[in-house]
Amino acid sequence: MDFNLNGQTKVISGRVIDEDFETIPLTMIQNSDSILIGQTDLDGYFKIEIPLDTDTLFFRFIAMEWKTIKLTPNCDTIDVILMHDAIYDFMTATKIDRLRMKRFKRLPELHQKAYEKGLFTTMQPCYEQSFVPIKKVKCL
């Protein structure tokens, strides 16, 4: 039996850069089941096909914080800024989260600047992202 999947998928394209406006080649893109569905090219661009019911994507790369985004219904161009995965020695989880939140809050401003520089095709993201605090690890 052959199934026709036409119309049951959509194409998403975009670009991935870091906080310093540098492209991130070979960034992995996964769905909520942790299945690799694509990756960026050497210039940070990607074009993937996803099922219509997929609403969450994960972007990951070495030395970068994982980015989880929730797609909005008419979102087909995704321009993403990944934050560097910094090492915070001798700090409490509260202080680390405060420093990370400060960087996270700058992402919309950086997105606008990337658009003005011609790195992004969208003026603002068409997806939702939320800050994920560091979990406290309990020692036994």
C-alpha atoms as a PDB file:
ATOM      1  CA  MET A   1       0.000   0.000   0.000  1.00  0.00           C
ATOM      2  CA  ASP A   2       1.399   3.399  -0.987  1.00  0.00           C
ATOM      3  CA  PHE A   3       0.426   6.470   1.032  1.00  0.00           C
ATOM      4  CA  ASN A   4       0.447   9.953  -0.454  1.00  0.00           C
ATOM      5  CA  LEU A   5       1.738  12.445   2.090  1.00  0.00           C
ATOM      6  CA  ASN A   6       1.276  15.527  -0.096  1.00  0.00           C
ATOM      7  CA  GLY A   7      -0.329  18.302   1.914  1.00  0.00           C
ATOM      8  CA  GLN A   8       0.508  16.684   5.239  1.00  0.00           C
ATOM      9  CA  THR A   9       3.906  18.336   5.569  1.00  0.00           C
ATOM     10  CA  LYS A  10       5.208  21.859   5.377  1.00  0.00           C
ATOM     11  CA  VAL A  11       8.576  23.303   4.448  1.00  0.00           C
ATOM     12  CA  ILE A  12      10.436  25.439   6.972  1.00  0.00           C
ATOM     13  CA  SER A  13      13.540  27.404   6.040  1.00  0.00           C
ATOM     14  CA  GLY A  14      15.786  29.877   7.787  1.00  0.00           C
ATOM     15  CA  ARG A  15      19.202  30.614   9.189  1.00  0.00           C
ATOM     16  CA  VAL A  16      21.063  30.032  12.455  1.00  0.00           C
ATOM     17  CA  ILE A  17      23.652  32.449  13.868  1.00  0.00           C
ATOM     18  CA  ASP A  18      25.199  33.105  17.274  1.00  0.00           C
ATOM     19  CA  GLU A  19      25.122  36.173  19.536  1.00  0.00           C
ATOM     20  CA  ASP A  20      28.121  37.618  17.671  1.00  0.00           C
ATOM     21  CA  PHE A  21      26.343  37.372  14.274  1.00  0.00           C
ATOM     22  CA  GLU A  22      28.574  34.490  13.166  1.00  0.00           C
ATOM     23  CA  THR A  23      26.941  31.688  11.186  1.00  0.00           C
ATOM     24  CA  ILE A  24      26.747  28.270  12.766  1.00  0.00           C
ATOM     25  CA  PRO A  25      27.365  25.488  10.240  1.00  0.00           C
ATOM     26  CA  LEU A  26      25.938  21.985  10.687  1.00  0.00           C
ATOM     27  CA  THR A  27      23.566  22.911  13.525  1.00  0.00           C
ATOM     28  CA  MET A  28      21.333  19.921  14.223  1.00  0.00           C
ATOM     29  CA  ILE A  29      17.564  20.389  14.069  1.00  0.00           C
ATOM     30  CA  GLN A  30      15.406  17.876  15.926  1.00  0.00           C
ATOM     31  CA  ASN A  31      11.713  17.414  16.607  1.00  0.00           C
ATOM     32  CA  SER A  32      10.175  16.780  20.024  1.00  0.00           C
ATOM     33  CA  ASP A  33      10.923  13.046  19.684  1.00  0.00           C
ATOM     34  CA  SER A  34      14.661  13.876  19.400  1.00  0.00           C
ATOM     35  CA  ILE A  35      14.695  12.684  15.793  1.00  0.00           C
ATOM     36  CA  LEU A  36      17.178  14.519  13.591  1.00  0.00           C
ATOM     37  CA  ILE A  37      15.140  16.156  10.838  1.00  0.00           C
ATOM     38  CA  GLY A  38      17.823  18.353   9.310  1.00  0.00           C
ATOM     39  CA  GLN A  39      20.866  20.508   9.768  1.00  0.00           C
ATOM     40  CA  THR A  40      22.202  23.821   8.556  1.00  0.00           C
ATOM     41  CA  ASP A  41      24.627  24.146   5.676  1.00  0.00           C
ATOM     42  CA  LEU A  42      28.074  25.760   5.973  1.00  0.00           C
ATOM     43  CA  ASP A  43      26.515  29.248   5.880  1.00  0.00           C
ATOM     44  CA  GLY A  44      23.946  28.474   8.602  1.00  0.00           C
ATOM     45  CA  TYR A  45      20.970  28.116   6.224  1.00  0.00           C
ATOM     46  CA  PHE A  46      18.505  25.243   6.338  1.00  0.00           C
ATOM     47  CA  LYS A  47      15.395  23.985   4.594  1.00  0.00           C
ATOM     48  CA  ILE A  48      13.486  21.124   6.197  1.00  0.00           C
ATOM     49  CA  GLU A  49      10.182  19.371   5.684  1.00  0.00           C
ATOM     50  CA  ILE A  50       8.164  18.648   8.802  1.00  0.00           C
ATOM     51  CA  PRO A  51       4.740  17.079   9.476  1.00  0.00           C
ATOM     52  CA  LEU A  52       1.920  19.592   9.953  1.00  0.00           C
ATOM     53  CA  ASP A  53       1.433  18.466  13.564  1.00  0.00           C
ATOM     54  CA  THR A  54       5.049  19.309  14.507  1.00  0.00           C
ATOM     55  CA  ASP A  55       5.027  22.457  16.620  1.00  0.00           C
ATOM     56  CA  THR A  56       8.312  22.215  18.525  1.00  0.00           C
ATOM     57  CA  LEU A  57      11.861  22.193  17.184  1.00  0.00           C
ATOM     58  CA  PHE A  58      15.221  21.895  18.950  1.00  0.00           C
ATOM     59  CA  PHE A  59      18.413  23.481  17.621  1.00  0.00           C
ATOM     60  CA  ARG A  60      21.715  22.243  19.001  1.00  0.00           C
ATOM     61  CA  PHE A  61      25.391  22.713  18.336  1.00  0.00           C
ATOM     62  CA  ILE A  62      28.607  22.157  20.273  1.00  0.00           C
ATOM     63  CA  ALA A  63      29.386  24.941  22.786  1.00  0.00           C
ATOM     64  CA  MET A  64      25.918  26.490  22.339  1.00  0.00           C
ATOM     65  CA  GLU A  65      22.866  26.297  24.571  1.00  0.00           C
ATOM     66  CA  TRP A  66      20.109  24.172  23.094  1.00  0.00           C
ATOM     67  CA  LYS A  67      17.293  26.285  21.700  1.00  0.00           C
ATOM     68  CA  THR A  68      13.704  25.099  21.935  1.00  0.00           C
ATOM     69  CA  ILE A  69      11.160  26.936  19.835  1.00  0.00           C
ATOM     70  CA  LYS A  70       7.403  26.552  19.526  1.00  0.00           C
ATOM     71  CA  LEU A  71       6.176  27.273  16.026  1.00  0.00           C
ATOM     72  CA  THR A  72       3.191  29.504  15.373  1.00  0.00           C
ATOM     73  CA  PRO A  73       0.657  28.349  12.734  1.00  0.00           C
ATOM     74  CA  ASN A  74       1.825  30.458   9.749  1.00  0.00           C
ATOM     75  CA  CYS A  75       5.533  30.350  10.531  1.00  0.00           C
ATOM     76  CA  ASP A  76       7.591  29.068   7.599  1.00  0.00           C
ATOM     77  CA  THR A  77      10.769  31.143   7.926  1.00  0.00           C
ATOM     78  CA  ILE A  78      12.738  30.655  11.130  1.00  0.00           C
ATOM     79  CA  ASP A  79      15.756  32.815  11.877  1.00  0.00           C
ATOM     80  CA  VAL A  80      17.424  31.642  15.089  1.00  0.00           C
ATOM     81  CA  ILE A  81      20.102  33.065  17.381  1.00  0.00           C
ATOM     82  CA  LEU A  82      21.851  30.509  19.588  1.00  0.00           C
ATOM     83  CA  MET A  83      23.432  31.623  22.851  1.00  0.00           C
ATOM     84  CA  HIS A  84      26.955  30.541  23.745  1.00  0.00           C
ATOM     85  CA  ASP A  85      27.075  27.863  26.441  1.00  0.00           C
ATOM     86  CA  ALA A  86      29.191  29.702  28.998  1.00  0.00           C
ATOM     87  CA  ILE A  87      30.890  28.074  31.968  1.00  0.00           C
ATOM     88  CA  TYR A  88      30.021  29.712  35.256  1.00  0.00           C
ATOM     89  CA  ASP A  89      32.460  28.566  37.947  1.00  0.00           C
ATOM     90  CA  PHE A  90      31.806  29.137  41.633  1.00  0.00           C
ATOM     91  CA  MET A  91      28.370  30.757  41.173  1.00  0.00           C
ATOM     92  CA  THR A  92      24.999  29.828  42.542  1.00  0.00           C
ATOM     93  CA  ALA A  93      22.290  28.608  40.174  1.00  0.00           C
ATOM     94  CA  THR A  94      20.370  31.818  40.930  1.00  0.00           C
ATOM     95  CA  LYS A  95      23.254  34.031  39.806  1.00  0.00           C
ATOM     96  CA  ILE A  96      23.866  31.896  36.718  1.00  0.00           C
ATOM     97  CA  ASP A  97      20.197  32.145  35.760  1.00  0.00           C
ATOM     98  CA  ARG A  98      20.271  35.911  36.315  1.00  0.00           C
ATOM     99  CA  LEU A  99      23.245  36.256  33.938  1.00  0.00           C
ATOM    100  CA  ARG A 100      21.689  33.932  31.352  1.00  0.00           C
ATOM    101  CA  MET A 101      18.351  35.770  31.553  1.00  0.00           C
ATOM    102  CA  LYS A 102      20.118  39.059  30.861  1.00  0.00           C
ATOM    103  CA  ARG A 103      21.537  37.571  27.642  1.00  0.00           C
ATOM    104  CA  PHE A 104      18.206  35.921  26.770  1.00  0.00           C
ATOM    105  CA  LYS A 105      16.358  39.251  27.027  1.00  0.00           C
ATOM    106  CA  ARG A 106      18.737  40.746  24.432  1.00  0.00           C
ATOM    107  CA  LEU A 107      17.796  38.178  21.754  1.00  0.00           C
ATOM    108  CA  PRO A 108      14.927  40.238  20.213  1.00  0.00           C
ATOM    109  CA  GLU A 109      17.275  43.240  19.908  1.00  0.00           C
ATOM    110  CA  LEU A 110      19.960  41.041  18.320  1.00  0.00           C
ATOM    111  CA  HIS A 111      17.380  39.589  15.930  1.00  0.00           C
ATOM    112  CA  GLN A 112      16.462  43.115  14.790  1.00  0.00           C
ATOM    113  CA  LYS A 113      20.142  43.994  14.261  1.00  0.00           C
ATOM    114  CA  ALA A 114      20.703  40.775  12.282  1.00  0.00           C
ATOM    115  CA  TYR A 115      17.761  41.752  10.058  1.00  0.00           C
ATOM    116  CA  GLU A 116      19.209  45.246   9.539  1.00  0.00           C
ATOM    117  CA  LYS A 117      22.590  43.721   8.598  1.00  0.00           C
ATOM    118  CA  GLY A 118      20.878  41.470   6.048  1.00  0.00           C
ATOM    119  CA  LEU A 119      21.658  38.239   7.912  1.00  0.00           C
ATOM    120  CA  PHE A 120      17.975  37.446   8.556  1.00  0.00           C
ATOM    121  CA  THR A 121      14.961  37.744   6.272  1.00  0.00           C
ATOM    122  CA  THR A 122      12.491  38.274   9.132  1.00  0.00           C
ATOM    123  CA  MET A 123      12.313  41.458  11.203  1.00  0.00           C
ATOM    124  CA  GLN A 124      11.170  39.532  14.280  1.00  0.00           C
ATOM    125  CA  PRO A 125      10.806  35.843  15.132  1.00  0.00           C
ATOM    126  CA  CYS A 126       7.523  34.133  14.240  1.00  0.00           C
ATOM    127  CA  TYR A 127       7.992  31.504  16.933  1.00  0.00           C
ATOM    128  CA  GLU A 128       7.815  31.429  20.704  1.00  0.00           C
ATOM    129  CA  GLN A 129      10.831  30.832  22.897  1.00  0.00           C
ATOM    130  CA  SER A 130      10.998  30.712  26.640  1.00  0.00           C
ATOM    131  CA  PHE A 131      13.801  30.931  29.140  1.00  0.00           C
ATOM    132  CA  VAL A 132      14.685  27.595  30.733  1.00  0.00           C
ATOM    133  CA  PRO A 133      16.392  28.045  34.121  1.00  0.00           C
ATOM    134  CA  ILE A 134      19.182  25.758  35.234  1.00  0.00           C
ATOM    135  CA  LYS A 135      17.900  22.951  37.422  1.00  0.00           C
ATOM    136  CA  LYS A 136      19.432  22.623  40.845  1.00  0.00           C
ATOM    137  CA  VAL A 137      21.195  19.296  41.270  1.00  0.00           C
ATOM    138  CA  LYS A 138      20.680  17.626  44.638  1.00  0.00           C
ATOM    139  CA  CYS A 139      23.668  15.845  46.102  1.00  0.00           C
ATOM    140  CA  LEU A 140      23.033  12.628  47.976  1.00  0.00           C
END
